[in-house]
N, C-alpha and C. Protein backbone atom coordinates (compact mmCIF):
# COMPACT_ATOMS: atom_id res chain seq x y z
N MET A 1 -24.18 -4.69 -22.45
CA MET A 1 -24.59 -3.40 -22.96
C MET A 1 -23.82 -2.99 -24.20
N ASN A 2 -22.64 -3.62 -24.43
CA ASN A 2 -21.85 -3.20 -25.59
C ASN A 2 -22.46 -3.65 -26.90
N GLU A 3 -23.57 -4.38 -26.86
CA GLU A 3 -24.23 -4.79 -28.09
C GLU A 3 -25.39 -3.86 -28.46
N LEU A 4 -25.67 -2.84 -27.64
CA LEU A 4 -26.86 -2.02 -27.86
C LEU A 4 -26.50 -0.72 -28.56
N HIS A 5 -27.55 -0.04 -29.04
CA HIS A 5 -27.39 1.10 -29.93
C HIS A 5 -27.43 2.42 -29.18
N GLU A 6 -26.75 3.42 -29.72
CA GLU A 6 -26.76 4.76 -29.13
C GLU A 6 -28.02 5.50 -29.57
N PRO A 7 -28.78 6.08 -28.64
CA PRO A 7 -30.03 6.78 -28.99
C PRO A 7 -29.77 8.22 -29.42
N THR A 8 -29.06 8.39 -30.52
CA THR A 8 -28.69 9.73 -30.96
C THR A 8 -28.48 9.75 -32.47
N ILE A 9 -28.37 10.93 -33.02
CA ILE A 9 -28.08 11.08 -34.44
C ILE A 9 -26.61 10.78 -34.69
N ALA A 10 -26.33 9.95 -35.69
CA ALA A 10 -24.95 9.57 -36.00
C ALA A 10 -24.42 10.24 -37.26
N ALA A 11 -25.31 10.65 -38.16
CA ALA A 11 -24.88 11.27 -39.41
C ALA A 11 -25.95 12.24 -39.88
N ARG A 12 -25.51 13.28 -40.60
CA ARG A 12 -26.42 14.35 -41.04
C ARG A 12 -26.10 14.74 -42.47
N ALA A 13 -27.12 15.24 -43.17
CA ALA A 13 -26.95 15.80 -44.52
C ALA A 13 -28.06 16.83 -44.74
N GLY A 14 -27.95 17.57 -45.84
CA GLY A 14 -28.98 18.54 -46.17
C GLY A 14 -28.89 19.80 -45.34
N ALA A 15 -30.02 20.43 -45.12
CA ALA A 15 -30.08 21.69 -44.39
C ALA A 15 -29.73 21.49 -42.92
N PRO A 16 -29.16 22.50 -42.27
CA PRO A 16 -28.95 22.41 -40.82
C PRO A 16 -30.29 22.27 -40.10
N LEU A 17 -30.31 21.45 -39.07
CA LEU A 17 -31.56 21.22 -38.35
C LEU A 17 -32.16 22.52 -37.83
N GLU A 18 -31.31 23.41 -37.35
CA GLU A 18 -31.80 24.62 -36.71
C GLU A 18 -32.54 25.55 -37.66
N SER A 19 -32.29 25.42 -38.98
CA SER A 19 -32.96 26.28 -39.95
C SER A 19 -33.84 25.49 -40.93
N ALA A 20 -33.99 24.19 -40.71
CA ALA A 20 -34.71 23.33 -41.66
C ALA A 20 -36.21 23.57 -41.59
N GLN A 21 -36.86 23.49 -42.74
CA GLN A 21 -38.32 23.53 -42.80
C GLN A 21 -38.93 22.19 -42.46
N ALA A 22 -38.20 21.12 -42.70
CA ALA A 22 -38.66 19.76 -42.43
C ALA A 22 -37.43 18.89 -42.24
N ALA A 23 -37.63 17.70 -41.70
CA ALA A 23 -36.52 16.78 -41.47
C ALA A 23 -36.95 15.36 -41.78
N VAL A 24 -35.98 14.57 -42.20
CA VAL A 24 -36.20 13.14 -42.45
C VAL A 24 -35.27 12.35 -41.54
N VAL A 25 -35.84 11.51 -40.70
CA VAL A 25 -35.06 10.57 -39.90
C VAL A 25 -34.96 9.28 -40.72
N MET A 26 -33.75 8.97 -41.19
CA MET A 26 -33.54 7.86 -42.11
C MET A 26 -32.94 6.68 -41.34
N VAL A 27 -33.57 5.52 -41.48
CA VAL A 27 -33.19 4.34 -40.71
C VAL A 27 -32.65 3.29 -41.67
N HIS A 28 -31.38 2.97 -41.50
CA HIS A 28 -30.72 2.07 -42.45
C HIS A 28 -31.13 0.62 -42.26
N GLY A 29 -30.83 -0.18 -43.26
CA GLY A 29 -31.14 -1.59 -43.24
C GLY A 29 -30.01 -2.43 -42.66
N ARG A 30 -30.26 -3.72 -42.55
CA ARG A 30 -29.26 -4.66 -42.02
C ARG A 30 -28.01 -4.63 -42.90
N GLY A 31 -26.87 -4.45 -42.26
CA GLY A 31 -25.61 -4.43 -42.99
C GLY A 31 -25.24 -3.08 -43.57
N ASP A 32 -26.14 -2.11 -43.49
CA ASP A 32 -25.87 -0.76 -43.98
C ASP A 32 -25.44 0.11 -42.80
N SER A 33 -25.44 1.42 -43.02
CA SER A 33 -24.98 2.35 -41.99
C SER A 33 -25.74 3.65 -42.11
N ALA A 34 -25.57 4.53 -41.13
CA ALA A 34 -26.18 5.85 -41.19
C ALA A 34 -25.70 6.63 -42.41
N PRO A 35 -24.39 6.71 -42.69
CA PRO A 35 -23.96 7.39 -43.92
C PRO A 35 -24.50 6.71 -45.19
N GLY A 36 -24.65 5.39 -45.13
CA GLY A 36 -25.15 4.68 -46.30
C GLY A 36 -26.58 5.07 -46.66
N ILE A 37 -27.48 5.09 -45.67
CA ILE A 37 -28.87 5.46 -45.95
C ILE A 37 -28.96 6.94 -46.30
N LEU A 38 -28.07 7.78 -45.76
CA LEU A 38 -28.10 9.20 -46.08
C LEU A 38 -27.74 9.46 -47.54
N SER A 39 -27.09 8.50 -48.21
CA SER A 39 -26.78 8.69 -49.63
C SER A 39 -28.05 8.82 -50.45
N LEU A 40 -29.17 8.29 -49.94
CA LEU A 40 -30.44 8.41 -50.64
C LEU A 40 -30.91 9.87 -50.70
N ALA A 41 -30.42 10.68 -49.76
CA ALA A 41 -30.82 12.08 -49.73
C ALA A 41 -30.43 12.80 -51.02
N SER A 42 -29.39 12.33 -51.69
CA SER A 42 -28.94 12.99 -52.93
C SER A 42 -29.97 12.84 -54.05
N ALA A 43 -30.88 11.86 -53.92
CA ALA A 43 -31.94 11.67 -54.93
C ALA A 43 -33.21 12.45 -54.59
N LEU A 44 -33.23 13.08 -53.42
CA LEU A 44 -34.41 13.81 -52.99
C LEU A 44 -34.20 15.31 -53.23
N GLU A 45 -35.25 15.99 -53.67
CA GLU A 45 -35.07 17.31 -54.26
C GLU A 45 -35.81 18.43 -53.53
N ALA A 46 -36.40 18.16 -52.37
CA ALA A 46 -37.10 19.22 -51.66
C ALA A 46 -36.09 20.11 -50.95
N PRO A 47 -36.17 21.43 -51.12
CA PRO A 47 -35.21 22.34 -50.47
C PRO A 47 -35.54 22.51 -48.99
N GLY A 48 -34.53 22.88 -48.22
CA GLY A 48 -34.76 23.19 -46.82
C GLY A 48 -35.03 22.01 -45.93
N VAL A 49 -34.61 20.82 -46.35
CA VAL A 49 -34.87 19.60 -45.57
C VAL A 49 -33.56 19.11 -44.95
N ALA A 50 -33.61 18.80 -43.67
CA ALA A 50 -32.48 18.17 -42.97
C ALA A 50 -32.66 16.66 -42.99
N TYR A 51 -31.58 15.94 -43.22
CA TYR A 51 -31.60 14.48 -43.22
C TYR A 51 -30.68 14.00 -42.09
N VAL A 52 -31.20 13.18 -41.22
CA VAL A 52 -30.41 12.67 -40.10
C VAL A 52 -30.63 11.16 -39.99
N ALA A 53 -29.66 10.48 -39.38
CA ALA A 53 -29.77 9.02 -39.28
C ALA A 53 -29.10 8.53 -38.00
N PRO A 54 -29.76 7.65 -37.27
CA PRO A 54 -29.10 6.92 -36.18
C PRO A 54 -28.31 5.75 -36.75
N GLN A 55 -27.47 5.16 -35.93
CA GLN A 55 -26.58 4.08 -36.37
C GLN A 55 -26.76 2.85 -35.50
N ALA A 56 -26.98 1.70 -36.13
CA ALA A 56 -27.04 0.43 -35.40
C ALA A 56 -25.63 -0.05 -35.07
N ARG A 57 -25.47 -0.54 -33.85
CA ARG A 57 -24.17 -1.16 -33.51
C ARG A 57 -23.97 -2.39 -34.39
N HIS A 58 -22.78 -2.49 -34.96
CA HIS A 58 -22.44 -3.60 -35.87
C HIS A 58 -23.37 -3.62 -37.09
N ASN A 59 -23.99 -2.48 -37.40
CA ASN A 59 -24.79 -2.31 -38.61
C ASN A 59 -26.04 -3.18 -38.68
N THR A 60 -26.50 -3.67 -37.54
CA THR A 60 -27.71 -4.50 -37.49
C THR A 60 -28.55 -4.07 -36.30
N TRP A 61 -29.82 -3.75 -36.56
CA TRP A 61 -30.69 -3.27 -35.49
C TRP A 61 -31.13 -4.39 -34.55
N TYR A 62 -31.39 -5.56 -35.11
CA TYR A 62 -31.76 -6.73 -34.30
C TYR A 62 -31.33 -7.96 -35.08
N PRO A 63 -31.00 -9.06 -34.40
CA PRO A 63 -30.29 -10.16 -35.07
C PRO A 63 -31.13 -11.08 -35.95
N TYR A 64 -32.41 -11.27 -35.61
CA TYR A 64 -33.21 -12.26 -36.31
C TYR A 64 -34.21 -11.58 -37.25
N SER A 65 -34.95 -12.35 -37.98
CA SER A 65 -35.96 -11.82 -38.90
C SER A 65 -36.97 -10.95 -38.15
N PHE A 66 -37.52 -9.97 -38.86
CA PHE A 66 -38.57 -9.14 -38.25
C PHE A 66 -39.85 -9.93 -38.02
N MET A 67 -39.95 -11.13 -38.59
CA MET A 67 -41.10 -12.01 -38.39
C MET A 67 -40.88 -12.97 -37.21
N ALA A 68 -39.71 -12.93 -36.60
CA ALA A 68 -39.44 -13.81 -35.45
C ALA A 68 -40.23 -13.33 -34.23
N PRO A 69 -40.41 -14.19 -33.23
CA PRO A 69 -41.05 -13.73 -31.99
C PRO A 69 -40.33 -12.52 -31.43
N MET A 70 -41.10 -11.54 -30.95
CA MET A 70 -40.52 -10.28 -30.47
C MET A 70 -39.40 -10.53 -29.46
N GLU A 71 -39.65 -11.44 -28.50
CA GLU A 71 -38.69 -11.63 -27.43
C GLU A 71 -37.35 -12.17 -27.94
N ARG A 72 -37.38 -12.82 -29.09
CA ARG A 72 -36.13 -13.37 -29.63
C ARG A 72 -35.19 -12.24 -30.07
N ASN A 73 -35.77 -11.11 -30.48
CA ASN A 73 -34.95 -9.99 -30.93
C ASN A 73 -34.64 -8.99 -29.82
N GLU A 74 -35.02 -9.33 -28.59
CA GLU A 74 -34.67 -8.46 -27.47
C GLU A 74 -33.30 -8.85 -26.88
N PRO A 75 -32.59 -7.86 -26.29
CA PRO A 75 -32.99 -6.46 -26.05
C PRO A 75 -32.68 -5.51 -27.19
N TRP A 76 -32.22 -6.05 -28.33
CA TRP A 76 -31.80 -5.20 -29.44
C TRP A 76 -32.96 -4.41 -30.02
N LEU A 77 -34.14 -5.04 -30.11
CA LEU A 77 -35.28 -4.35 -30.71
C LEU A 77 -35.68 -3.13 -29.88
N SER A 78 -35.80 -3.29 -28.58
CA SER A 78 -36.16 -2.15 -27.74
C SER A 78 -35.10 -1.05 -27.83
N SER A 79 -33.83 -1.45 -27.88
CA SER A 79 -32.75 -0.47 -28.01
C SER A 79 -32.82 0.23 -29.37
N ALA A 80 -33.18 -0.51 -30.41
CA ALA A 80 -33.31 0.07 -31.75
C ALA A 80 -34.44 1.09 -31.79
N LEU A 81 -35.58 0.75 -31.21
CA LEU A 81 -36.70 1.69 -31.15
C LEU A 81 -36.31 2.93 -30.35
N ALA A 82 -35.52 2.75 -29.29
CA ALA A 82 -35.05 3.88 -28.50
C ALA A 82 -34.10 4.76 -29.32
N ALA A 83 -33.31 4.15 -30.20
CA ALA A 83 -32.40 4.92 -31.03
C ALA A 83 -33.17 5.81 -32.01
N VAL A 84 -34.24 5.27 -32.59
CA VAL A 84 -35.08 6.08 -33.48
C VAL A 84 -35.74 7.20 -32.68
N HIS A 85 -36.23 6.87 -31.50
CA HIS A 85 -36.88 7.87 -30.67
C HIS A 85 -35.89 8.98 -30.28
N GLY A 86 -34.67 8.59 -29.96
CA GLY A 86 -33.66 9.57 -29.61
C GLY A 86 -33.37 10.52 -30.75
N ALA A 87 -33.32 9.99 -31.98
CA ALA A 87 -33.10 10.84 -33.15
C ALA A 87 -34.27 11.79 -33.36
N VAL A 88 -35.49 11.28 -33.23
CA VAL A 88 -36.68 12.12 -33.38
C VAL A 88 -36.68 13.24 -32.34
N GLU A 89 -36.39 12.90 -31.10
CA GLU A 89 -36.40 13.90 -30.04
C GLU A 89 -35.31 14.95 -30.25
N GLU A 90 -34.18 14.55 -30.80
CA GLU A 90 -33.11 15.49 -31.10
C GLU A 90 -33.56 16.49 -32.17
N VAL A 91 -34.29 15.99 -33.16
CA VAL A 91 -34.81 16.86 -34.22
C VAL A 91 -35.83 17.84 -33.64
N VAL A 92 -36.74 17.33 -32.81
CA VAL A 92 -37.75 18.19 -32.18
C VAL A 92 -37.08 19.26 -31.32
N ALA A 93 -36.06 18.86 -30.57
CA ALA A 93 -35.36 19.82 -29.70
C ALA A 93 -34.67 20.92 -30.51
N ALA A 94 -34.32 20.61 -31.77
CA ALA A 94 -33.68 21.61 -32.63
C ALA A 94 -34.70 22.56 -33.25
N GLY A 95 -35.99 22.28 -33.06
CA GLY A 95 -37.02 23.21 -33.53
C GLY A 95 -37.89 22.73 -34.67
N VAL A 96 -37.73 21.47 -35.10
CA VAL A 96 -38.58 20.92 -36.17
C VAL A 96 -39.71 20.13 -35.51
N PRO A 97 -40.96 20.54 -35.66
CA PRO A 97 -42.06 19.82 -35.00
C PRO A 97 -42.31 18.46 -35.65
N ARG A 98 -42.93 17.54 -34.91
CA ARG A 98 -43.21 16.20 -35.44
C ARG A 98 -44.03 16.23 -36.72
N GLU A 99 -44.88 17.23 -36.86
CA GLU A 99 -45.72 17.32 -38.08
C GLU A 99 -44.88 17.60 -39.33
N ARG A 100 -43.60 17.90 -39.13
CA ARG A 100 -42.70 18.13 -40.26
C ARG A 100 -41.53 17.15 -40.26
N ILE A 101 -41.70 16.06 -39.54
CA ILE A 101 -40.67 15.01 -39.51
C ILE A 101 -41.18 13.78 -40.26
N VAL A 102 -40.42 13.34 -41.23
CA VAL A 102 -40.72 12.11 -41.97
C VAL A 102 -39.78 11.00 -41.48
N LEU A 103 -40.35 9.86 -41.18
CA LEU A 103 -39.56 8.66 -40.88
C LEU A 103 -39.40 7.87 -42.16
N LEU A 104 -38.16 7.59 -42.54
CA LEU A 104 -37.90 6.84 -43.76
C LEU A 104 -36.97 5.69 -43.45
N GLY A 105 -37.32 4.50 -43.89
CA GLY A 105 -36.45 3.36 -43.68
C GLY A 105 -36.48 2.41 -44.86
N PHE A 106 -35.39 1.68 -45.02
CA PHE A 106 -35.32 0.63 -46.04
C PHE A 106 -35.06 -0.70 -45.36
N SER A 107 -35.82 -1.73 -45.74
CA SER A 107 -35.64 -3.10 -45.29
C SER A 107 -35.77 -3.18 -43.77
N GLN A 108 -34.74 -3.62 -43.05
CA GLN A 108 -34.84 -3.67 -41.60
C GLN A 108 -35.16 -2.29 -41.03
N GLY A 109 -34.64 -1.25 -41.65
CA GLY A 109 -34.95 0.10 -41.23
C GLY A 109 -36.40 0.49 -41.47
N ALA A 110 -36.98 -0.02 -42.55
CA ALA A 110 -38.40 0.24 -42.83
C ALA A 110 -39.29 -0.46 -41.81
N CYS A 111 -38.90 -1.66 -41.42
CA CYS A 111 -39.65 -2.37 -40.37
C CYS A 111 -39.59 -1.59 -39.07
N LEU A 112 -38.40 -1.12 -38.72
CA LEU A 112 -38.21 -0.39 -37.47
C LEU A 112 -38.98 0.94 -37.49
N ALA A 113 -38.92 1.65 -38.61
CA ALA A 113 -39.63 2.93 -38.72
C ALA A 113 -41.15 2.72 -38.63
N SER A 114 -41.64 1.67 -39.27
CA SER A 114 -43.07 1.37 -39.23
C SER A 114 -43.52 1.06 -37.81
N GLU A 115 -42.75 0.21 -37.13
CA GLU A 115 -43.10 -0.18 -35.76
C GLU A 115 -43.01 1.02 -34.82
N TYR A 116 -42.01 1.86 -35.03
CA TYR A 116 -41.88 3.05 -34.19
C TYR A 116 -43.10 3.96 -34.35
N LEU A 117 -43.50 4.19 -35.59
CA LEU A 117 -44.65 5.07 -35.82
C LEU A 117 -45.91 4.50 -35.16
N ALA A 118 -46.13 3.19 -35.30
CA ALA A 118 -47.33 2.58 -34.70
C ALA A 118 -47.31 2.69 -33.18
N ARG A 119 -46.13 2.56 -32.59
CA ARG A 119 -46.02 2.62 -31.12
C ARG A 119 -46.05 4.05 -30.58
N HIS A 120 -45.83 5.03 -31.45
CA HIS A 120 -45.84 6.45 -31.06
C HIS A 120 -46.84 7.17 -31.95
N ALA A 121 -48.05 6.66 -31.99
CA ALA A 121 -49.05 7.16 -32.94
C ALA A 121 -49.48 8.58 -32.58
N GLN A 122 -48.99 9.52 -33.36
CA GLN A 122 -49.40 10.91 -33.31
C GLN A 122 -49.11 11.49 -34.69
N ARG A 123 -49.45 12.74 -34.90
CA ARG A 123 -49.29 13.32 -36.24
C ARG A 123 -47.82 13.57 -36.53
N PHE A 124 -47.30 12.85 -37.50
CA PHE A 124 -45.95 13.07 -38.03
C PHE A 124 -46.06 13.66 -39.44
N GLY A 125 -44.93 14.10 -39.95
CA GLY A 125 -44.92 14.58 -41.32
C GLY A 125 -45.12 13.47 -42.33
N GLY A 126 -44.72 12.25 -41.95
CA GLY A 126 -44.93 11.12 -42.85
C GLY A 126 -44.08 9.92 -42.47
N LEU A 127 -44.38 8.81 -43.12
CA LEU A 127 -43.59 7.58 -43.05
C LEU A 127 -43.39 7.07 -44.46
N ALA A 128 -42.15 6.77 -44.80
CA ALA A 128 -41.84 6.10 -46.06
C ALA A 128 -41.16 4.79 -45.71
N ALA A 129 -41.90 3.69 -45.81
CA ALA A 129 -41.37 2.37 -45.49
C ALA A 129 -41.10 1.64 -46.80
N LEU A 130 -39.83 1.54 -47.16
CA LEU A 130 -39.41 0.95 -48.43
C LEU A 130 -38.96 -0.48 -48.16
N SER A 131 -39.75 -1.42 -48.61
CA SER A 131 -39.48 -2.85 -48.42
C SER A 131 -39.44 -3.21 -46.93
N GLY A 132 -40.58 -3.02 -46.27
CA GLY A 132 -40.66 -3.36 -44.85
C GLY A 132 -42.10 -3.38 -44.37
N GLY A 133 -42.27 -3.68 -43.08
CA GLY A 133 -43.60 -3.71 -42.48
C GLY A 133 -43.48 -3.84 -40.98
N LEU A 134 -44.61 -3.88 -40.31
CA LEU A 134 -44.64 -3.98 -38.86
C LEU A 134 -43.94 -5.25 -38.37
N ILE A 135 -43.36 -5.16 -37.19
CA ILE A 135 -42.51 -6.23 -36.66
C ILE A 135 -43.33 -7.23 -35.84
N GLY A 136 -42.91 -8.48 -35.90
CA GLY A 136 -43.54 -9.52 -35.09
C GLY A 136 -44.05 -10.67 -35.94
N PRO A 137 -44.25 -11.84 -35.34
CA PRO A 137 -44.74 -13.00 -36.09
C PRO A 137 -46.19 -12.83 -36.51
N GLU A 138 -46.62 -13.70 -37.38
CA GLU A 138 -48.03 -13.70 -37.79
C GLU A 138 -48.92 -13.85 -36.57
N GLY A 139 -49.99 -13.07 -36.50
CA GLY A 139 -50.90 -13.12 -35.38
C GLY A 139 -50.53 -12.20 -34.23
N THR A 140 -49.45 -11.38 -34.40
CA THR A 140 -49.09 -10.44 -33.34
C THR A 140 -50.24 -9.46 -33.08
N PRO A 141 -50.64 -9.29 -31.82
CA PRO A 141 -51.70 -8.29 -31.54
C PRO A 141 -51.23 -6.90 -31.95
N ARG A 142 -52.11 -6.17 -32.60
CA ARG A 142 -51.77 -4.82 -33.07
C ARG A 142 -52.62 -3.80 -32.32
N ASP A 143 -52.54 -3.86 -30.99
CA ASP A 143 -53.38 -3.01 -30.16
C ASP A 143 -52.63 -1.74 -29.77
N TYR A 144 -52.16 -1.02 -30.78
CA TYR A 144 -51.45 0.23 -30.55
C TYR A 144 -52.43 1.31 -30.10
N GLU A 145 -51.94 2.26 -29.32
CA GLU A 145 -52.77 3.36 -28.85
C GLU A 145 -52.38 4.65 -29.56
N GLY A 146 -53.29 5.64 -29.51
CA GLY A 146 -53.02 6.93 -30.11
C GLY A 146 -53.64 7.06 -31.48
N SER A 147 -53.39 8.18 -32.13
CA SER A 147 -53.92 8.45 -33.47
C SER A 147 -52.85 9.10 -34.33
N LEU A 148 -52.74 8.64 -35.55
CA LEU A 148 -51.79 9.22 -36.49
C LEU A 148 -52.34 10.49 -37.14
N GLY A 149 -53.61 10.78 -36.94
CA GLY A 149 -54.17 12.07 -37.31
C GLY A 149 -53.96 12.50 -38.75
N GLY A 150 -54.05 11.54 -39.68
CA GLY A 150 -53.89 11.88 -41.09
C GLY A 150 -52.45 11.86 -41.59
N THR A 151 -51.53 11.33 -40.81
CA THR A 151 -50.13 11.23 -41.23
C THR A 151 -50.03 10.51 -42.58
N PRO A 152 -49.36 11.10 -43.58
CA PRO A 152 -49.18 10.40 -44.85
C PRO A 152 -48.20 9.23 -44.69
N VAL A 153 -48.56 8.09 -45.20
CA VAL A 153 -47.72 6.90 -45.14
C VAL A 153 -47.55 6.35 -46.55
N PHE A 154 -46.31 6.12 -46.94
CA PHE A 154 -46.02 5.45 -48.21
C PHE A 154 -45.40 4.09 -47.92
N LEU A 155 -46.00 3.05 -48.48
CA LEU A 155 -45.48 1.68 -48.37
C LEU A 155 -45.15 1.19 -49.77
N GLY A 156 -43.89 0.90 -50.02
CA GLY A 156 -43.48 0.36 -51.32
C GLY A 156 -42.74 -0.95 -51.15
N CYS A 157 -43.12 -1.97 -51.93
CA CYS A 157 -42.48 -3.28 -51.79
C CYS A 157 -42.77 -4.13 -53.01
N SER A 158 -41.88 -5.05 -53.29
CA SER A 158 -42.13 -6.06 -54.32
C SER A 158 -43.14 -7.09 -53.84
N ASP A 159 -43.82 -7.72 -54.78
CA ASP A 159 -44.72 -8.82 -54.42
C ASP A 159 -43.96 -10.13 -54.22
N VAL A 160 -42.68 -10.15 -54.56
CA VAL A 160 -41.87 -11.36 -54.40
C VAL A 160 -40.59 -11.06 -53.63
N ASP A 161 -40.63 -10.06 -52.75
CA ASP A 161 -39.45 -9.72 -51.97
C ASP A 161 -39.04 -10.92 -51.13
N PRO A 162 -37.76 -11.33 -51.18
CA PRO A 162 -37.34 -12.53 -50.44
C PRO A 162 -37.32 -12.34 -48.93
N HIS A 163 -37.38 -11.09 -48.46
CA HIS A 163 -37.29 -10.83 -47.02
C HIS A 163 -38.61 -10.35 -46.42
N ILE A 164 -39.48 -9.76 -47.25
CA ILE A 164 -40.69 -9.11 -46.75
C ILE A 164 -41.92 -9.76 -47.42
N PRO A 165 -42.67 -10.60 -46.71
CA PRO A 165 -43.88 -11.17 -47.30
C PRO A 165 -44.88 -10.06 -47.63
N VAL A 166 -45.44 -10.11 -48.83
CA VAL A 166 -46.35 -9.04 -49.24
C VAL A 166 -47.57 -8.97 -48.32
N GLU A 167 -47.94 -10.09 -47.71
CA GLU A 167 -49.07 -10.08 -46.77
C GLU A 167 -48.79 -9.15 -45.59
N ARG A 168 -47.52 -9.04 -45.17
CA ARG A 168 -47.19 -8.16 -44.06
C ARG A 168 -47.33 -6.69 -44.48
N VAL A 169 -47.05 -6.39 -45.73
CA VAL A 169 -47.24 -5.02 -46.22
C VAL A 169 -48.73 -4.67 -46.20
N HIS A 170 -49.57 -5.62 -46.63
CA HIS A 170 -51.02 -5.40 -46.59
C HIS A 170 -51.49 -5.19 -45.15
N GLU A 171 -50.99 -6.01 -44.22
CA GLU A 171 -51.38 -5.87 -42.82
C GLU A 171 -50.93 -4.52 -42.27
N THR A 172 -49.74 -4.10 -42.64
CA THR A 172 -49.22 -2.81 -42.18
C THR A 172 -50.12 -1.67 -42.67
N GLU A 173 -50.54 -1.75 -43.91
CA GLU A 173 -51.48 -0.75 -44.44
C GLU A 173 -52.75 -0.70 -43.59
N GLU A 174 -53.32 -1.87 -43.31
CA GLU A 174 -54.58 -1.94 -42.55
C GLU A 174 -54.41 -1.36 -41.15
N VAL A 175 -53.33 -1.72 -40.48
CA VAL A 175 -53.12 -1.27 -39.09
C VAL A 175 -52.90 0.23 -39.04
N LEU A 176 -52.04 0.75 -39.92
CA LEU A 176 -51.75 2.19 -39.89
C LEU A 176 -52.96 3.01 -40.32
N ALA A 177 -53.74 2.49 -41.26
CA ALA A 177 -54.97 3.19 -41.66
C ALA A 177 -55.95 3.22 -40.50
N ARG A 178 -56.03 2.13 -39.76
CA ARG A 178 -56.92 2.08 -38.59
C ARG A 178 -56.49 3.09 -37.53
N LEU A 179 -55.19 3.37 -37.47
CA LEU A 179 -54.68 4.36 -36.53
C LEU A 179 -54.84 5.80 -37.04
N GLY A 180 -55.36 5.93 -38.27
CA GLY A 180 -55.64 7.26 -38.78
C GLY A 180 -54.68 7.78 -39.83
N ALA A 181 -53.81 6.92 -40.37
CA ALA A 181 -52.89 7.35 -41.42
C ALA A 181 -53.59 7.39 -42.77
N GLN A 182 -53.06 8.22 -43.65
CA GLN A 182 -53.47 8.23 -45.06
C GLN A 182 -52.42 7.43 -45.82
N VAL A 183 -52.76 6.20 -46.20
CA VAL A 183 -51.76 5.26 -46.71
C VAL A 183 -51.79 5.17 -48.24
N ASP A 184 -50.60 5.29 -48.81
CA ASP A 184 -50.38 5.05 -50.24
C ASP A 184 -49.50 3.81 -50.34
N LYS A 185 -50.10 2.68 -50.72
CA LYS A 185 -49.36 1.41 -50.82
C LYS A 185 -49.15 1.08 -52.29
N ARG A 186 -47.91 0.78 -52.65
CA ARG A 186 -47.60 0.41 -54.04
C ARG A 186 -46.79 -0.88 -54.03
N ILE A 187 -47.35 -1.90 -54.66
CA ILE A 187 -46.70 -3.21 -54.79
C ILE A 187 -46.17 -3.33 -56.21
N TYR A 188 -44.88 -3.65 -56.32
CA TYR A 188 -44.21 -3.69 -57.63
C TYR A 188 -44.00 -5.14 -58.05
N PRO A 189 -44.72 -5.60 -59.08
CA PRO A 189 -44.62 -7.00 -59.51
C PRO A 189 -43.21 -7.37 -59.97
N GLY A 190 -42.68 -8.44 -59.39
CA GLY A 190 -41.42 -8.99 -59.83
C GLY A 190 -40.20 -8.16 -59.51
N PHE A 191 -40.37 -7.12 -58.71
CA PHE A 191 -39.24 -6.23 -58.39
C PHE A 191 -38.35 -6.88 -57.33
N GLY A 192 -37.10 -6.43 -57.25
CA GLY A 192 -36.17 -6.99 -56.28
C GLY A 192 -36.24 -6.28 -54.94
N HIS A 193 -35.32 -6.59 -54.08
CA HIS A 193 -35.23 -5.98 -52.74
C HIS A 193 -34.36 -4.73 -52.86
N SER A 194 -34.99 -3.67 -53.32
CA SER A 194 -34.24 -2.46 -53.64
C SER A 194 -35.19 -1.27 -53.62
N VAL A 195 -34.69 -0.10 -53.99
CA VAL A 195 -35.49 1.12 -54.08
C VAL A 195 -35.57 1.53 -55.54
N ASN A 196 -36.79 1.84 -56.00
CA ASN A 196 -36.94 2.23 -57.41
C ASN A 196 -37.31 3.71 -57.53
N GLN A 197 -37.32 4.19 -58.76
CA GLN A 197 -37.55 5.62 -59.00
C GLN A 197 -38.95 6.05 -58.60
N ASP A 198 -39.93 5.17 -58.77
CA ASP A 198 -41.29 5.52 -58.37
C ASP A 198 -41.36 5.79 -56.86
N GLU A 199 -40.63 5.02 -56.08
CA GLU A 199 -40.58 5.24 -54.64
C GLU A 199 -39.90 6.56 -54.30
N VAL A 200 -38.80 6.85 -54.99
CA VAL A 200 -38.10 8.12 -54.79
C VAL A 200 -39.04 9.28 -55.12
N ASP A 201 -39.78 9.15 -56.22
CA ASP A 201 -40.72 10.21 -56.61
C ASP A 201 -41.79 10.40 -55.54
N ALA A 202 -42.27 9.30 -54.96
CA ALA A 202 -43.30 9.39 -53.92
C ALA A 202 -42.77 10.09 -52.67
N VAL A 203 -41.53 9.79 -52.30
CA VAL A 203 -40.93 10.46 -51.13
C VAL A 203 -40.72 11.94 -51.43
N ASN A 204 -40.26 12.24 -52.65
CA ASN A 204 -40.10 13.64 -53.04
C ASN A 204 -41.43 14.41 -52.92
N ALA A 205 -42.50 13.80 -53.38
CA ALA A 205 -43.82 14.44 -53.31
C ALA A 205 -44.23 14.67 -51.86
N MET A 206 -43.95 13.69 -50.99
CA MET A 206 -44.26 13.82 -49.56
C MET A 206 -43.50 15.00 -48.95
N LEU A 207 -42.21 15.11 -49.29
CA LEU A 207 -41.40 16.18 -48.73
C LEU A 207 -41.80 17.55 -49.28
N ARG A 208 -42.12 17.60 -50.56
CA ARG A 208 -42.55 18.89 -51.13
C ARG A 208 -43.86 19.34 -50.49
N GLY A 209 -44.71 18.41 -50.11
CA GLY A 209 -45.93 18.77 -49.42
C GLY A 209 -45.68 19.43 -48.08
N LEU A 210 -44.52 19.10 -47.46
CA LEU A 210 -44.19 19.70 -46.17
C LEU A 210 -43.53 21.07 -46.33
N VAL A 211 -42.64 21.20 -47.29
CA VAL A 211 -41.89 22.46 -47.41
C VAL A 211 -42.65 23.49 -48.23
N ASP A 212 -43.59 23.06 -49.06
CA ASP A 212 -44.37 24.00 -49.87
C ASP A 212 -45.68 24.37 -49.20
N GLY A 213 -46.12 23.55 -48.20
CA GLY A 213 -47.42 23.75 -47.59
C GLY A 213 -47.43 24.86 -46.55
């Protein structure tokens, strides 16, 4: 059990949850941390937003590639999904409804956030998956239940990302759209495994839609 993750918020920034108009659950990538992904909040400009992040034990949510067989990444994957769920439930308990919660992740965190949203398909404030996609090997059944009810989804990735095959980003778009998401997918030719200003602008627009609406 000492290898599994705590299902709670580990770091916070921005507005206090109790008075926030919206919240972003930020999921860090492999080798990063909750405080590390929260540094992205300084580039986001929507007022009244709380930023929270769970923390992976040893800074890794699951040990193998997100394209590996699901069972190979267990029990870490299930524990990681539970950590995201715990953070979401903590935000809801503080008074921010799911319709005003955005899930944001980078790399391994983007994969985890995408998979969490698909497995908990209901109306959220949004998903911003930066360099990531749904988890599992090619041919994984995508028989998720529920409806995303128009949840805005932003998918940003390079076409030559060394960790994320662009085909998986396309598949993620198709699956989430089928579940009822409004998907904005942007593929950046020749870009690296990083976050660019266009992606930051897209997340800012998503957040302003929540706090201004």
